C-alpha atoms as a PDB file:
ATOM      1  CA  MET A   1     209.221 -26.517  70.594  1.00  0.00           C
ATOM      2  CA  LYS A   2     207.418 -23.231  70.761  1.00  0.00           C
ATOM      3  CA  HIS A   3     210.577 -21.539  69.429  1.00  0.00           C
ATOM      4  CA  ASN A   4     210.716 -23.896  66.454  1.00  0.00           C
ATOM      5  CA  ILE A   5     207.041 -23.262  65.552  1.00  0.00           C
ATOM      6  CA  GLY A   6     207.488 -19.502  65.706  1.00  0.00           C
ATOM      7  CA  PHE A   7     210.601 -19.721  63.567  1.00  0.00           C
ATOM      8  CA  THR A   8     208.765 -21.882  61.052  1.00  0.00           C
ATOM      9  CA  TRP A   9     205.944 -19.316  60.743  1.00  0.00           C
ATOM     10  CA  LEU A  10     208.498 -16.545  60.269  1.00  0.00           C
ATOM     11  CA  VAL A  11     210.171 -18.460  57.453  1.00  0.00           C
ATOM     12  CA  LEU A  12     206.822 -19.096  55.735  1.00  0.00           C
ATOM     13  CA  ILE A  13     205.734 -15.446  55.973  1.00  0.00           C
ATOM     14  CA  THR A  14     209.095 -14.260  54.647  1.00  0.00           C
ATOM     15  CA  GLY A  15     208.896 -16.721  51.754  1.00  0.00           C
ATOM     16  CA  CYS A  16     205.455 -15.512  50.809  1.00  0.00           C
ATOM     17  CA  ALA A  17     206.670 -11.959  50.841  1.00  0.00           C
ATOM     18  CA  PHE A  18     209.505 -12.814  48.439  1.00  0.00           C
ATOM     19  CA  CYS A  19     207.187 -14.765  46.173  1.00  0.00           C
ATOM     20  CA  TYR A  20     204.824 -11.806  45.757  1.00  0.00           C
ATOM     21  CA  GLY A  21     207.594  -9.227  45.555  1.00  0.00           C
ATOM     22  CA  CYS A  22     206.474  -7.524  48.756  1.00  0.00           C
ATOM     23  CA  GLY A  23     208.865  -5.750  51.012  1.00  0.00           C
ATOM     24  CA  THR A  24     211.953  -6.381  48.827  1.00  0.00           C
ATOM     25  CA  PRO A  25     214.209  -3.688  47.320  1.00  0.00           C
ATOM     26  CA  GLU A  26     213.977  -5.314  43.887  1.00  0.00           C
ATOM     27  CA  ALA A  27     210.188  -5.302  43.909  1.00  0.00           C
ATOM     28  CA  ASP A  28     209.991  -1.689  45.078  1.00  0.00           C
ATOM     29  CA  THR A  29     212.478  -0.575  42.428  1.00  0.00           C
ATOM     30  CA  THR A  30     210.617  -2.338  39.627  1.00  0.00           C
ATOM     31  CA  SER A  31     207.280  -0.954  40.771  1.00  0.00           C
ATOM     32  CA  ASN A  32     208.591   2.573  41.046  1.00  0.00           C
ATOM     33  CA  ALA A  33     210.273   2.407  37.636  1.00  0.00           C
ATOM     34  CA  THR A  34     207.062   1.179  36.034  1.00  0.00           C
ATOM     35  CA  ALA A  35     205.089   3.980  37.642  1.00  0.00           C
ATOM     36  CA  VAL A  36     207.653   6.559  36.469  1.00  0.00           C
ATOM     37  CA  ASP A  37     207.546   5.162  32.919  1.00  0.00           C
ATOM     38  CA  GLU A  38     203.749   5.251  32.858  1.00  0.00           C
ATOM     39  CA  HIS A  39     203.717   8.802  34.180  1.00  0.00           C
ATOM     40  CA  ALA A  40     206.285   9.909  31.576  1.00  0.00           C
ATOM     41  CA  THR A  41     204.248   8.235  28.814  1.00  0.00           C
ATOM     42  CA  ASP A  42     201.109   9.990  30.007  1.00  0.00           C
ATOM     43  CA  GLU A  43     202.943  13.318  30.015  1.00  0.00           C
ATOM     44  CA  ASN A  44     204.296  12.706  26.497  1.00  0.00           C
ATOM     45  CA  ASN A  45     200.867  11.723  25.202  1.00  0.00           C
ATOM     46  CA  GLN A  46     199.326  14.765  26.826  1.00  0.00           C
ATOM     47  CA  SER A  47     202.058  17.019  25.417  1.00  0.00           C
ATOM     48  CA  GLU A  48     201.625  15.587  21.905  1.00  0.00           C
ATOM     49  CA  SER A  49     197.838  15.939  22.131  1.00  0.00           C
ATOM     50  CA  GLU A  50     198.134  19.551  23.281  1.00  0.00           C
ATOM     51  CA  LYS A  51     200.526  20.271  20.415  1.00  0.00           C
ATOM     52  CA  GLN A  52     198.093  18.787  17.903  1.00  0.00           C
ATOM     53  CA  MET A  53     195.267  20.854  19.364  1.00  0.00           C
ATOM     54  CA  ASP A  54     197.396  24.022  19.160  1.00  0.00           C
ATOM     55  CA  ASP A  55     198.314  23.262  15.535  1.00  0.00           C
ATOM     56  CA  MET A  56     194.664  22.624  14.650  1.00  0.00           C
ATOM     57  CA  LYS A  57     193.579  25.842  16.374  1.00  0.00           C
ATOM     58  CA  GLU A  58     196.265  27.822  14.550  1.00  0.00           C
ATOM     59  CA  MET A  59     195.197  26.310  11.195  1.00  0.00           C
ATOM     60  CA  MET A  60     191.527  27.110  11.842  1.00  0.00           C
ATOM     61  CA  GLU A  61     192.391  30.702  12.773  1.00  0.00           C
ATOM     62  CA  LEU A  62     194.441  31.049   9.578  1.00  0.00           C
ATOM     63  CA  GLU A  63     191.602  29.625   7.463  1.00  0.00           C
ATOM     64  CA  GLN A  64     189.142  31.991   9.132  1.00  0.00           C
ATOM     65  CA  GLN A  65     191.450  34.931   8.423  1.00  0.00           C
ATOM     66  CA  ILE A  66     191.705  33.948   4.756  1.00  0.00           C
ATOM     67  CA  VAL A  67     187.912  33.623   4.502  1.00  0.00           C
ATOM     68  CA  GLU A  68     187.380  37.027   6.130  1.00  0.00           C
ATOM     69  CA  GLU A  69     189.910  38.681   3.821  1.00  0.00           C
ATOM     70  CA  GLN A  70     188.262  37.089   0.795  1.00  0.00           C
ATOM     71  CA  MET A  71     184.845  38.245   1.989  1.00  0.00           C
ATOM     72  CA  MET A  72     186.155  41.796   2.381  1.00  0.00           C
ATOM     73  CA  MET A  73     187.623  41.702  -1.134  1.00  0.00           C
ATOM     74  CA  ASN A  74     184.355  40.462  -2.591  1.00  0.00           C
ATOM     75  CA  ALA A  75     181.989  42.426  -0.365  1.00  0.00           C
ATOM     76  CA  ASN A  76     180.771  44.590  -3.216  1.00  0.00           C
ATOM     77  CA  VAL A  77     181.003  42.047  -6.023  1.00  0.00           C
ATOM     78  CA  PRO A  78     177.523  40.788  -6.966  1.00  0.00           C
ATOM     79  CA  ARG A  79     176.941  37.031  -6.869  1.00  0.00           C
ATOM     80  CA  ARG A  80     174.790  35.099  -9.314  1.00  0.00           C
ATOM     81  CA  ASN A  81     172.059  34.880  -6.691  1.00  0.00           C
ATOM     82  CA  GLU A  82     172.304  38.625  -5.999  1.00  0.00           C
ATOM     83  CA  LEU A  83     171.939  39.902  -9.542  1.00  0.00           C
ATOM     84  CA  ILE A  84     172.064  43.565 -10.382  1.00  0.00           C
ATOM     85  CA  VAL A  85     169.107  44.197 -12.673  1.00  0.00           C
ATOM     86  CA  GLU A  86     169.444  47.887 -13.333  1.00  0.00           C
ATOM     87  CA  SER A  87     171.775  50.342 -14.994  1.00  0.00           C
ATOM     88  CA  HIS A  88     174.912  51.471 -13.196  1.00  0.00           C
ATOM     89  CA  SER A  89     175.168  55.099 -12.188  1.00  0.00           C
ATOM     90  CA  GLY A  90     178.945  54.766 -12.092  1.00  0.00           C
ATOM     91  CA  LEU A  91     181.724  52.222 -12.275  1.00  0.00           C
ATOM     92  CA  LYS A  92     184.553  51.448  -9.881  1.00  0.00           C
ATOM     93  CA  PRO A  93     188.192  51.444 -11.039  1.00  0.00           C
ATOM     94  CA  ALA A  94     189.388  48.298 -12.754  1.00  0.00           C
ATOM     95  CA  SER A  95     192.594  47.383 -10.939  1.00  0.00           C
ATOM     96  CA  PHE A  96     195.295  44.935 -11.932  1.00  0.00           C
ATOM     97  CA  PHE A  97     194.964  41.666 -10.029  1.00  0.00           C
ATOM     98  CA  GLY A  98     197.856  39.271  -9.429  1.00  0.00           C
ATOM     99  CA  GLY A  99     199.811  40.677 -12.368  1.00  0.00           C
ATOM    100  CA  PRO A 100     198.720  42.469 -15.560  1.00  0.00           C
ATOM    101  CA  ILE A 101     195.137  41.140 -15.327  1.00  0.00           C
ATOM    102  CA  ILE A 102     191.849  42.980 -14.851  1.00  0.00           C
ATOM    103  CA  GLU A 103     189.152  40.897 -13.155  1.00  0.00           C
ATOM    104  CA  LEU A 104     185.759  41.932 -14.547  1.00  0.00           C
ATOM    105  CA  SER A 105     182.646  42.198 -12.385  1.00  0.00           C
ATOM    106  CA  GLY A 106     179.354  44.048 -12.286  1.00  0.00           C
ATOM    107  CA  ASP A 107     181.083  46.714 -10.211  1.00  0.00           C
ATOM    108  CA  ASN A 108     183.717  47.696 -12.766  1.00  0.00           C
ATOM    109  CA  THR A 109     182.121  46.608 -16.056  1.00  0.00           C
ATOM    110  CA  SER A 110     179.033  47.808 -17.878  1.00  0.00           C
ATOM    111  CA  VAL A 111     177.459  45.975 -20.818  1.00  0.00           C
ATOM    112  CA  GLU A 112     174.528  47.831 -22.352  1.00  0.00           C
ATOM    113  CA  PHE A 113     172.539  47.522 -25.579  1.00  0.00           C
ATOM    114  CA  LEU A 114     170.318  49.745 -27.687  1.00  0.00           C
ATOM    115  CA  GLY A 115     167.520  48.209 -29.733  1.00  0.00           C
ATOM    116  CA  THR A 116     165.854  50.245 -32.484  1.00  0.00           C
ATOM    117  CA  LYS A 117     162.876  50.086 -34.819  1.00  0.00           C
ATOM    118  CA  PRO A 118     162.538  51.358 -38.409  1.00  0.00           C
ATOM    119  CA  ASP A 119     160.136  54.058 -37.201  1.00  0.00           C
ATOM    120  CA  GLY A 120     162.821  55.529 -34.949  1.00  0.00           C
ATOM    121  CA  GLU A 121     161.634  54.078 -31.620  1.00  0.00           C
ATOM    122  CA  LYS A 122     164.450  52.768 -29.449  1.00  0.00           C
ATOM    123  CA  HIS A 123     164.860  51.002 -26.131  1.00  0.00           C
ATOM    124  CA  ALA A 124     167.849  50.714 -23.826  1.00  0.00           C
ATOM    125  CA  GLY A 125     168.927  47.801 -21.726  1.00  0.00           C
ATOM    126  CA  GLY A 126     171.891  45.926 -20.384  1.00  0.00           C
ATOM    127  CA  PHE A 127     173.184  43.234 -18.067  1.00  0.00           C
ATOM    128  CA  GLY A 128     174.041  43.678 -14.406  1.00  0.00           C
ATOM    129  CA  TYR A 129     176.133  40.547 -13.827  1.00  0.00           C
ATOM    130  CA  VAL A 130     179.401  40.288 -15.740  1.00  0.00           C
ATOM    131  CA  GLU A 131     182.555  38.316 -15.047  1.00  0.00           C
ATOM    132  CA  GLY A 132     185.751  37.723 -16.993  1.00  0.00           C
ATOM    133  CA  LYS A 133     189.330  38.860 -17.505  1.00  0.00           C
ATOM    134  CA  VAL A 134     191.257  41.400 -19.554  1.00  0.00           C
ATOM    135  CA  THR A 135     194.909  40.403 -19.856  1.00  0.00           C
ATOM    136  CA  PHE A 136     197.800  42.702 -20.732  1.00  0.00           C
ATOM    137  CA  SER A 137     201.426  42.006 -21.561  1.00  0.00           C
ATOM    138  CA  HIS A 138     204.060  42.874 -18.971  1.00  0.00           C
ATOM    139  CA  PRO A 139     205.781  45.292 -18.750  1.00  0.00           C
ATOM    140  CA  GLU A 140     204.517  46.763 -22.052  1.00  0.00           C
ATOM    141  CA  ASN A 141     200.880  46.866 -20.857  1.00  0.00           C
ATOM    142  CA  GLU A 142     199.584  45.946 -24.304  1.00  0.00           C
ATOM    143  CA  LEU A 143     196.157  44.313 -24.598  1.00  0.00           C
ATOM    144  CA  LYS A 144     196.493  40.563 -25.173  1.00  0.00           C
ATOM    145  CA  ASN A 145     193.285  38.740 -24.349  1.00  0.00           C
ATOM    146  CA  VAL A 146     189.659  39.332 -23.321  1.00  0.00           C
ATOM    147  CA  THR A 147     187.090  36.875 -21.948  1.00  0.00           C
ATOM    148  CA  ILE A 148     183.606  37.879 -20.789  1.00  0.00           C
ATOM    149  CA  THR A 149     180.673  35.903 -19.388  1.00  0.00           C
ATOM    150  CA  ILE A 150     177.286  37.609 -19.076  1.00  0.00           C
ATOM    151  CA  VAL A 151     174.467  36.130 -16.991  1.00  0.00           C
ATOM    152  CA  THR A 152     171.348  36.696 -19.088  1.00  0.00           C
ATOM    153  CA  LYS A 153     168.985  36.641 -16.098  1.00  0.00           C
ATOM    154  CA  SER A 154     170.594  39.902 -14.972  1.00  0.00           C
ATOM    155  CA  LEU A 155     169.061  41.628 -18.015  1.00  0.00           C
ATOM    156  CA  TRP A 156     167.347  44.979 -17.421  1.00  0.00           C
ATOM    157  CA  SER A 157     165.670  47.476 -19.752  1.00  0.00           C
ATOM    158  CA  ASP A 158     163.901  50.831 -19.662  1.00  0.00           C
ATOM    159  CA  ASP A 159     160.484  49.152 -19.422  1.00  0.00           C
ATOM    160  CA  PRO A 160     159.410  46.324 -17.056  1.00  0.00           C
ATOM    161  CA  LYS A 161     157.159  44.646 -19.635  1.00  0.00           C
ATOM    162  CA  LEU A 162     159.932  44.801 -22.202  1.00  0.00           C
ATOM    163  CA  THR A 163     162.368  43.284 -19.689  1.00  0.00           C
ATOM    164  CA  ALA A 164     160.077  40.302 -19.176  1.00  0.00           C
ATOM    165  CA  HIS A 165     159.640  39.891 -22.938  1.00  0.00           C
ATOM    166  CA  LEU A 166     163.385  40.102 -23.588  1.00  0.00           C
ATOM    167  CA  LYS A 167     163.966  37.287 -21.077  1.00  0.00           C
ATOM    168  CA  SER A 168     161.424  35.052 -22.828  1.00  0.00           C
ATOM    169  CA  PRO A 169     162.138  32.509 -25.616  1.00  0.00           C
ATOM    170  CA  ASP A 170     161.342  35.244 -28.174  1.00  0.00           C
ATOM    171  CA  PHE A 171     164.660  36.899 -27.393  1.00  0.00           C
ATOM    172  CA  PHE A 172     167.342  35.831 -24.888  1.00  0.00           C
ATOM    173  CA  ASN A 173     165.514  32.761 -23.529  1.00  0.00           C
ATOM    174  CA  VAL A 174     167.290  33.113 -20.190  1.00  0.00           C
ATOM    175  CA  ASN A 175     166.088  29.816 -18.698  1.00  0.00           C
ATOM    176  CA  GLU A 176     167.470  27.740 -21.554  1.00  0.00           C
ATOM    177  CA  HIS A 177     170.561  29.911 -22.132  1.00  0.00           C
ATOM    178  CA  PRO A 178     171.702  31.413 -18.806  1.00  0.00           C
ATOM    179  CA  ASP A 179     175.067  32.645 -20.158  1.00  0.00           C
ATOM    180  CA  MET A 180     176.450  34.635 -23.074  1.00  0.00           C
ATOM    181  CA  THR A 181     180.198  34.466 -23.596  1.00  0.00           C
ATOM    182  CA  PHE A 182     182.889  36.208 -25.593  1.00  0.00           C
ATOM    183  CA  LYS A 183     186.435  34.891 -26.049  1.00  0.00           C
ATOM    184  CA  SER A 184     188.959  36.842 -28.061  1.00  0.00           C
ATOM    185  CA  THR A 185     190.905  35.018 -30.758  1.00  0.00           C
ATOM    186  CA  SER A 186     193.114  37.876 -31.979  1.00  0.00           C
ATOM    187  CA  VAL A 187     194.064  41.402 -30.910  1.00  0.00           C
ATOM    188  CA  THR A 188     195.485  43.968 -33.326  1.00  0.00           C
ATOM    189  CA  ASP A 189     197.276  47.050 -31.994  1.00  0.00           C
ATOM    190  CA  GLU A 190     196.313  50.057 -34.116  1.00  0.00           C
ATOM    191  CA  GLY A 191     198.270  52.617 -32.070  1.00  0.00           C
ATOM    192  CA  ASP A 192     197.296  55.394 -29.651  1.00  0.00           C
ATOM    193  CA  GLY A 193     195.610  52.896 -27.330  1.00  0.00           C
ATOM    194  CA  LYS A 194     193.274  51.617 -30.041  1.00  0.00           C
ATOM    195  CA  PHE A 195     192.871  47.917 -30.691  1.00  0.00           C
ATOM    196  CA  GLU A 196     190.723  45.696 -32.860  1.00  0.00           C
ATOM    197  CA  ILE A 197     189.540  42.563 -31.101  1.00  0.00           C
ATOM    198  CA  LYS A 198     188.191  39.552 -32.953  1.00  0.00           C
ATOM    199  CA  GLY A 199     186.609  36.717 -31.070  1.00  0.00           C
ATOM    200  CA  ASP A 200     183.821  34.201 -30.666  1.00  0.00           C
ATOM    201  CA  LEU A 201     180.497  35.406 -29.285  1.00  0.00           C
ATOM    202  CA  THR A 202     178.163  32.658 -28.094  1.00  0.00           C
ATOM    203  CA  MET A 203     174.499  33.572 -27.684  1.00  0.00           C
ATOM    204  CA  LEU A 204     171.444  31.282 -27.660  1.00  0.00           C
ATOM    205  CA  GLY A 205     173.824  28.367 -28.135  1.00  0.00           C
ATOM    206  CA  VAL A 206     175.142  29.773 -31.426  1.00  0.00           C
ATOM    207  CA  THR A 207     178.769  30.868 -31.816  1.00  0.00           C
ATOM    208  CA  LYS A 208     179.790  33.512 -34.354  1.00  0.00           C
ATOM    209  CA  GLU A 209     182.969  35.502 -34.867  1.00  0.00           C
ATOM    210  CA  ILE A 210     182.570  39.226 -34.257  1.00  0.00           C
ATOM    211  CA  SER A 211     184.933  42.190 -34.351  1.00  0.00           C
ATOM    212  CA  MET A 212     184.966  45.187 -32.029  1.00  0.00           C
ATOM    213  CA  PRO A 213     187.088  48.335 -31.793  1.00  0.00           C
ATOM    214  CA  VAL A 214     188.495  49.026 -28.325  1.00  0.00           C
ATOM    215  CA  GLN A 215     190.023  52.107 -26.736  1.00  0.00           C
ATOM    216  CA  ILE A 216     192.397  51.246 -23.884  1.00  0.00           C
ATOM    217  CA  GLY A 217     193.850  53.460 -21.198  1.00  0.00           C
ATOM    218  CA  VAL A 218     196.486  52.196 -18.737  1.00  0.00           C
ATOM    219  CA  ALA A 219     197.578  54.285 -15.774  1.00  0.00           C
ATOM    220  CA  GLY A 220     199.018  53.381 -12.395  1.00  0.00           C
ATOM    221  CA  ASP A 221     197.580  50.142 -11.069  1.00  0.00           C
ATOM    222  CA  GLY A 222     194.565  49.907 -13.355  1.00  0.00           C
ATOM    223  CA  ALA A 223     193.111  50.309 -16.825  1.00  0.00           C
ATOM    224  CA  THR A 224     190.020  51.450 -18.704  1.00  0.00           C
ATOM    225  CA  LEU A 225     188.394  49.954 -21.777  1.00  0.00           C
ATOM    226  CA  THR A 226     185.627  51.334 -23.993  1.00  0.00           C
ATOM    227  CA  SER A 227     184.026  49.697 -27.025  1.00  0.00           C
ATOM    228  CA  GLU A 228     180.965  50.434 -29.153  1.00  0.00           C
ATOM    229  CA  PHE A 229     179.884  48.085 -31.944  1.00  0.00           C
ATOM    230  CA  LYS A 230     176.844  46.352 -33.448  1.00  0.00           C
ATOM    231  CA  VAL A 231     175.714  42.742 -33.610  1.00  0.00           C
ATOM    232  CA  ASP A 232     173.172  41.195 -35.985  1.00  0.00           C
ATOM    233  CA  ARG A 233     170.880  39.331 -33.590  1.00  0.00           C
ATOM    234  CA  THR A 234     169.313  37.259 -36.394  1.00  0.00           C
ATOM    235  CA  GLU A 235     172.646  35.515 -36.978  1.00  0.00           C
ATOM    236  CA  PHE A 236     172.184  33.906 -33.562  1.00  0.00           C
ATOM    237  CA  GLY A 237     168.605  32.828 -34.208  1.00  0.00           C
ATOM    238  CA  MET A 238     166.919  35.795 -32.522  1.00  0.00           C
ATOM    239  CA  ASN A 239     164.392  36.427 -35.275  1.00  0.00           C
ATOM    240  CA  TYR A 240     161.391  37.765 -33.387  1.00  0.00           C
ATOM    241  CA  GLY A 241     159.894  40.947 -34.875  1.00  0.00           C
ATOM    242  CA  GLU A 242     161.662  40.787 -38.225  1.00  0.00           C
ATOM    243  CA  GLY A 243     160.750  43.857 -40.229  1.00  0.00           C
ATOM    244  CA  LYS A 244     159.423  45.611 -37.114  1.00  0.00           C
ATOM    245  CA  ILE A 245     162.608  45.500 -35.017  1.00  0.00           C
ATOM    246  CA  ASP A 246     166.018  46.206 -36.542  1.00  0.00           C
ATOM    247  CA  ALA A 247     168.282  43.192 -36.820  1.00  0.00           C
ATOM    248  CA  GLU A 248     171.375  45.102 -35.664  1.00  0.00           C
ATOM    249  CA  VAL A 249     171.655  45.890 -31.973  1.00  0.00           C
ATOM    250  CA  GLY A 250     174.118  48.455 -30.657  1.00  0.00           C
ATOM    251  CA  LEU A 251     176.381  47.264 -27.827  1.00  0.00           C
ATOM    252  CA  THR A 252     178.536  49.345 -25.512  1.00  0.00           C
ATOM    253  CA  VAL A 253     181.107  47.830 -23.168  1.00  0.00           C
ATOM    254  CA  VAL A 254     182.811  50.031 -20.599  1.00  0.00           C
ATOM    255  CA  VAL A 255     185.405  48.798 -18.120  1.00  0.00           C
ATOM    256  CA  GLY A 256     186.842  50.783 -15.275  1.00  0.00           C
ATOM    257  CA  LYS A 257     185.069  54.115 -15.554  1.00  0.00           C
ATOM    258  CA  GLU A 258     181.668  55.677 -15.917  1.00  0.00           C
ATOM    259  CA  GLY A 259     180.695  55.524 -19.557  1.00  0.00           C
ATOM    260  CA  GLY A 260     178.434  57.518 -21.800  1.00  0.00           C
ATOM    261  CA  PRO A 261     176.805  54.727 -23.813  1.00  0.00           C
ATOM    262  CA  PRO A 262     174.166  55.593 -26.388  1.00  0.00           C
ATOM    263  CA  ALA A 263     171.643  53.829 -24.148  1.00  0.00           C
ATOM    264  CA  ALA A 264     171.557  56.970 -21.995  1.00  0.00           C
ATOM    265  CA  ASP A 265     170.001  58.915 -24.899  1.00  0.00           C
ATOM    266  CA  ALA A 266     167.371  56.233 -25.354  1.00  0.00           C
ATOM    267  CA  ARG A 267     166.229  56.506 -21.732  1.00  0.00           C
ATOM    268  CA  ALA A 268     165.763  60.239 -22.151  1.00  0.00           C
ATOM    269  CA  ASP A 269     163.473  59.639 -25.141  1.00  0.00           C
ATOM    270  CA  THR A 270     161.455  56.872 -23.542  1.00  0.00           C
ATOM    271  CA  PRO A 271     158.204  57.819 -21.758  1.00  0.00           C
ATOM    272  CA  GLN A 272     158.226  56.837 -18.056  1.00  0.00           C
END
């Protein structure tokens, strides 16, 4: 009787073990396989995550390198919020950029003007912030196109009071008209590096066609450009001082080298 009861308990315990998958080869195998699969999945997820992190890190390093290179390229190029408001003592070379193109900036381009009066008095001035492009043909290196934007707030002159007056609505009205632009419409090759450029000059919101003679020099990986011409300011609505200030204003544009604009003579004649 005691033997039968002990046997019965053994059968019940064994049955429970089978029902719950305990102590059987099948249950151990299934459990181990599941654990292995979960471990492999975790390793794969971790590996994929690490790969994504490495890719992201590499991309960020590349972006940082590009930003640093761009900053080095533009380190000496004035921004609109860092305007040059004085005459240049010299200009940097104007180098070809990404093909036969000269990128204009305040470092390599000078735009100066000379205002005169009927009594012989004259005042010099100019603009410190310039941007634009001069495009040449390739491989002939012939002048093809010129675009220039001048920020009027970068205006300077040989007298502080005059500078303030020139920025006012009487003249350039820099708050209402922050930019002056020139876009060439035709270029005529006259030989020996001389060209005639016609284009649209926009000043004070008025656009007029003007013509300017240009002397071009191309050597190595850069070019130079020099032009001297006159503009009738009254055609653009700048009428202040009619009869007391000459309507025509002399302009000198120099790209890629130190120029000798007529404005230099005016400074010498102006009392300090």
